[in-house]
Protein backbone atom coordinates (compact mmCIF):
# COMPACT_ATOMS: atom_id res chain seq x y z
CA MET A 1 -59.68 -10.05 -49.39
CA GLY A 2 -59.69 -11.72 -52.97
CA GLY A 3 -62.65 -13.99 -54.86
CA PRO A 4 -62.78 -17.14 -54.47
CA ALA A 5 -59.94 -20.05 -55.58
CA ALA A 6 -60.64 -21.97 -58.50
CA GLY A 7 -63.08 -24.89 -57.49
CA THR A 8 -64.67 -23.24 -54.50
CA LEU A 9 -68.05 -21.38 -53.93
CA PRO A 10 -67.99 -17.44 -53.06
CA GLU A 11 -67.92 -17.22 -49.16
CA THR A 12 -71.48 -16.05 -48.89
CA GLN A 13 -72.64 -19.09 -50.78
CA VAL A 14 -70.37 -21.81 -47.99
CA ARG A 15 -71.74 -19.54 -45.32
CA ALA A 16 -75.45 -20.04 -46.03
CA MET A 17 -75.00 -23.01 -46.95
CA PHE A 18 -73.73 -24.53 -43.28
CA ASP A 19 -76.48 -22.64 -41.24
CA ARG A 20 -78.91 -24.13 -43.88
CA ILE A 21 -77.77 -27.61 -43.05
CA ALA A 22 -76.04 -27.27 -38.88
CA GLY A 23 -79.14 -29.10 -37.70
CA VAL A 24 -78.07 -32.23 -39.19
CA TYR A 25 -74.48 -31.48 -39.22
CA ASP A 26 -73.45 -33.73 -36.17
CA VAL A 27 -75.52 -36.34 -37.23
CA MET A 28 -73.70 -36.33 -40.68
CA ASN A 29 -70.88 -36.64 -39.11
CA SER A 30 -71.21 -39.29 -37.88
CA VAL A 31 -73.20 -41.13 -40.23
CA MET A 32 -70.38 -40.56 -42.60
CA THR A 33 -67.87 -41.70 -40.29
CA ALA A 34 -69.64 -44.71 -38.23
CA GLY A 35 -68.35 -42.12 -34.97
CA MET A 36 -65.17 -41.63 -35.76
CA HIS A 37 -65.25 -37.93 -36.28
CA HIS A 38 -64.86 -37.76 -32.74
CA ARG A 39 -61.39 -39.97 -32.29
CA TRP A 40 -60.05 -37.94 -34.93
CA ARG A 41 -60.51 -34.09 -33.40
CA GLU A 42 -59.14 -36.15 -29.69
CA ARG A 43 -56.02 -36.96 -32.18
CA ALA A 44 -55.97 -33.40 -33.88
CA ALA A 45 -55.58 -31.72 -29.86
CA ASP A 46 -53.33 -33.76 -29.26
CA LEU A 47 -50.79 -33.03 -31.71
CA ALA A 48 -51.79 -28.75 -30.29
CA ARG A 49 -49.46 -30.05 -27.58
CA LEU A 50 -51.17 -28.20 -25.15
CA SER A 51 -50.97 -27.72 -21.29
CA PRO A 52 -53.37 -26.41 -18.56
CA GLY A 53 -53.46 -22.84 -18.97
CA ASP A 54 -52.85 -22.58 -22.72
CA SER A 55 -55.34 -20.46 -25.18
CA ALA A 56 -56.05 -22.53 -28.08
CA LEU A 57 -57.79 -20.89 -31.00
CA ASP A 58 -60.47 -23.01 -32.82
CA VAL A 59 -61.09 -21.82 -37.02
CA ALA A 60 -63.78 -22.79 -38.24
CA THR A 61 -64.85 -24.66 -35.90
CA GLY A 62 -68.36 -25.78 -36.77
CA THR A 63 -70.69 -27.17 -33.95
CA GLY A 64 -67.04 -26.89 -31.44
CA ASP A 65 -66.56 -30.54 -30.84
CA LEU A 66 -62.74 -29.88 -31.61
CA ALA A 67 -62.77 -26.43 -29.14
CA ILE A 68 -64.12 -28.95 -26.66
CA GLU A 69 -61.37 -31.34 -27.07
CA LEU A 70 -59.12 -28.73 -26.60
CA ALA A 71 -60.83 -26.98 -23.75
CA ARG A 72 -60.61 -30.68 -21.73
CA ARG A 73 -56.76 -30.00 -22.10
CA VAL A 74 -56.08 -26.44 -20.97
CA GLY A 75 -58.04 -26.92 -18.20
CA PRO A 76 -60.54 -24.29 -16.15
CA SER A 77 -57.33 -21.85 -16.17
CA GLY A 78 -56.80 -22.27 -19.62
CA ARG A 79 -58.18 -20.09 -22.11
CA VAL A 80 -59.80 -21.99 -25.69
CA VAL A 81 -61.60 -19.57 -28.80
CA GLY A 82 -64.02 -21.33 -31.26
CA SER A 83 -64.20 -19.04 -34.21
CA ASP A 84 -66.45 -19.60 -37.38
CA PHE A 85 -68.62 -17.58 -39.84
CA SER A 86 -71.80 -19.71 -39.38
CA GLU A 87 -74.39 -18.75 -36.52
CA GLY A 88 -76.23 -21.27 -37.48
CA MET A 89 -73.26 -23.57 -36.45
CA LEU A 90 -72.37 -21.76 -33.32
CA ASP A 91 -75.76 -21.20 -31.73
CA LEU A 92 -74.62 -25.26 -32.03
CA ALA A 93 -71.94 -25.13 -30.64
CA ARG A 94 -72.57 -22.78 -27.36
CA ASP A 95 -75.41 -24.93 -26.45
CA LYS A 96 -73.55 -28.08 -25.93
CA SER A 97 -70.66 -25.85 -23.80
CA GLY A 98 -69.60 -22.81 -21.79
CA ASP A 99 -66.08 -23.41 -20.75
CA VAL A 100 -64.90 -22.01 -24.88
CA GLU A 101 -65.43 -18.74 -26.05
CA TRP A 102 -67.55 -19.17 -28.77
CA GLU A 103 -67.62 -15.65 -31.59
CA TRP A 104 -67.86 -14.81 -34.76
CA GLY A 105 -64.94 -14.68 -37.14
CA ASN A 106 -63.78 -14.96 -40.70
CA ALA A 107 -60.56 -16.99 -41.14
CA LEU A 108 -59.06 -15.10 -43.82
CA GLU A 109 -58.98 -11.93 -41.65
CA LEU A 110 -58.42 -13.03 -38.52
CA LYS A 111 -59.41 -10.59 -35.46
CA TYR A 112 -56.37 -11.26 -32.89
CA GLU A 113 -52.89 -10.00 -32.97
CA SER A 114 -49.63 -11.83 -33.78
CA ASP A 115 -49.05 -14.51 -31.01
CA THR A 116 -51.83 -14.47 -29.16
CA PHE A 117 -52.22 -18.34 -28.68
CA ASP A 118 -50.17 -21.42 -27.99
CA ALA A 119 -52.06 -23.65 -30.93
CA ALA A 120 -54.30 -23.11 -33.73
CA THR A 121 -56.38 -25.15 -35.43
CA VAL A 122 -59.22 -26.34 -38.11
CA GLY A 123 -60.64 -29.83 -38.60
CA PHE A 124 -63.05 -30.36 -41.74
CA GLY A 125 -62.80 -26.77 -42.01
CA ALA A 126 -59.66 -25.75 -43.87
CA ARG A 127 -61.05 -27.26 -47.52
CA ASN A 128 -63.71 -24.24 -47.19
CA PHE A 129 -61.02 -21.19 -47.04
CA SER A 130 -61.85 -19.50 -50.23
CA ASP A 131 -57.89 -19.01 -50.01
CA LEU A 132 -56.28 -21.63 -48.34
CA SER A 133 -52.96 -20.24 -48.07
CA ALA A 134 -54.14 -16.84 -46.62
CA GLY A 135 -56.72 -19.15 -43.85
CA LEU A 136 -53.27 -21.00 -42.67
CA ARG A 137 -51.06 -17.71 -43.08
CA GLU A 138 -53.67 -15.92 -40.22
CA MET A 139 -53.33 -19.00 -38.27
CA ALA A 140 -49.86 -19.14 -38.05
CA ARG A 141 -49.93 -15.44 -37.44
CA VAL A 142 -51.84 -15.61 -34.35
CA VAL A 143 -49.62 -18.49 -32.92
CA ARG A 144 -46.66 -17.45 -30.22
CA PRO A 145 -43.51 -18.80 -31.70
CA GLY A 146 -42.98 -22.64 -30.63
CA GLY A 147 -47.12 -22.93 -30.63
CA ARG A 148 -48.73 -25.02 -33.00
CA VAL A 149 -50.90 -25.11 -36.19
CA VAL A 150 -52.76 -28.61 -36.65
CA VAL A 151 -55.26 -28.98 -39.98
CA LEU A 152 -57.77 -32.23 -39.49
CA GLU A 153 -58.82 -32.91 -42.90
CA ILE A 154 -60.31 -35.20 -45.25
CA THR A 155 -58.21 -36.02 -47.95
CA THR A 156 -58.46 -38.69 -51.21
CA PRO A 157 -57.08 -42.03 -50.88
CA GLN A 158 -54.36 -42.50 -53.96
CA LYS A 159 -54.71 -46.20 -53.78
CA PRO A 160 -56.78 -48.65 -54.96
CA PRO A 161 -59.38 -50.82 -52.73
CA LEU A 162 -59.71 -47.81 -50.77
CA SER A 163 -59.56 -45.47 -53.62
CA PHE A 164 -62.63 -46.81 -55.54
CA PHE A 165 -64.71 -47.19 -51.95
CA PHE A 166 -64.04 -43.76 -51.92
CA ARG A 167 -65.15 -42.78 -54.83
CA ALA A 168 -67.83 -44.66 -54.54
CA TRP A 169 -69.07 -43.59 -51.20
CA PHE A 170 -68.45 -39.91 -52.03
CA ASP A 171 -69.24 -39.36 -55.26
CA THR A 172 -72.80 -41.70 -54.77
CA ILE A 173 -73.11 -42.58 -51.29
CA VAL A 174 -72.35 -38.56 -49.65
CA PRO A 175 -74.57 -37.12 -52.22
CA ALA A 176 -77.87 -39.93 -51.36
CA LEU A 177 -77.55 -39.15 -47.25
CA GLY A 178 -77.82 -35.55 -48.44
CA LYS A 179 -80.80 -35.70 -50.38
CA VAL A 180 -82.22 -37.79 -47.33
CA ALA A 181 -81.63 -35.27 -44.89
CA GLY A 182 -82.85 -32.57 -46.96
CA ASP A 183 -79.69 -30.74 -48.58
CA SER A 184 -79.04 -32.43 -51.52
CA ASP A 185 -76.58 -29.61 -52.64
CA ALA A 186 -74.84 -28.92 -49.31
CA TYR A 187 -73.36 -32.69 -49.80
CA THR A 188 -72.56 -32.92 -53.20
CA TYR A 189 -70.68 -29.52 -52.23
CA LEU A 190 -68.72 -31.73 -50.27
CA PRO A 191 -66.74 -34.68 -52.35
CA SER A 192 -66.16 -31.55 -54.32
CA SER A 193 -64.54 -29.82 -51.84
CA VAL A 194 -62.50 -32.93 -50.95
CA ARG A 195 -61.21 -33.69 -54.34
CA ARG A 196 -59.87 -30.39 -54.80
CA PHE A 197 -58.00 -30.33 -51.47
CA PRO A 198 -54.21 -30.41 -52.11
CA GLY A 199 -53.14 -34.33 -51.15
CA PRO A 200 -50.82 -34.63 -47.87
CA ARG A 201 -47.33 -33.65 -49.31
CA ASP A 202 -48.55 -30.60 -50.59
CA LEU A 203 -51.29 -28.92 -47.72
CA ALA A 204 -47.29 -30.10 -45.64
CA ALA A 205 -45.71 -27.75 -48.08
CA GLU A 206 -48.48 -24.99 -47.73
CA LEU A 207 -48.30 -24.68 -44.15
CA ALA A 208 -44.68 -24.44 -44.46
CA ASP A 209 -45.27 -21.35 -47.25
CA ALA A 210 -47.15 -20.31 -44.20
CA GLY A 211 -44.72 -20.27 -41.63
CA LEU A 212 -44.38 -23.73 -39.71
CA ARG A 213 -41.29 -25.59 -39.26
CA ASP A 214 -40.73 -29.29 -38.49
CA VAL A 215 -44.50 -29.56 -40.30
CA GLY A 216 -45.57 -33.65 -40.53
CA TRP A 217 -49.02 -35.85 -40.98
CA ILE A 218 -50.14 -38.78 -39.89
CA LEU A 219 -53.02 -40.43 -42.10
CA THR A 220 -55.46 -42.48 -40.71
CA ALA A 221 -59.15 -44.41 -41.61
CA GLY A 222 -56.86 -46.09 -44.29
CA GLY A 223 -55.36 -42.52 -46.06
CA ILE A 224 -58.92 -40.96 -46.19
CA ILE A 225 -57.99 -38.86 -43.12
CA ALA A 226 -54.84 -36.64 -42.68
CA ILE A 227 -53.94 -34.62 -39.61
CA HIS A 228 -51.18 -32.04 -40.04
CA HIS A 229 -48.84 -30.28 -37.56
CA GLY A 230 -46.31 -27.82 -37.81
CA THR A 231 -44.78 -25.63 -35.12
CA VAL A 232 -44.23 -22.13 -35.57
CA ALA A 233 -41.23 -20.81 -36.51
């Protein structure tokens, strides 16, 4: 595995950062999104097109909310794995649900054989991959042909007035909230990670390069949130 891409932090620093902020992560998400992040995860889970008895992998699962949404769709006869490289985040996820297999894992080196799952998802974690292309290829690799890959992520709106509000919110208010929460560095990293992340069309091209077909995306929250989806060829 190579070094971090330009504009990213080394993997060890990202992991340590998420371990530090695990205790405030859910509260900060709700404050920053007015609670809408739950609805966005529901839409991402819908786009995975899972049925009862299916299996899914949620990569960079964090505190597990998207994995729990997937588990609701596959039911008790299905299987959902929530994988993350931050044990601090996983500890909180384990407290939320026993219906998901929570495990430590590196998104760039998934331990599963090819064609293992019916879907793979990532919610607000792809921008933290030190190698985005490698992470997307790994997600596609572990999904069977005809299965789905879904990427839920913040994106930068291009048109005013929302673009002005977005810059003010992410460059000023979010770091200030992070300072109040006790980790200004982490919430300064957040807007930086969003700015360097590919826009919707470029991310769709990355997904196609990873081996997906019928790639599309939905913009919501006025263009601040993009939910990409595609089918493994």
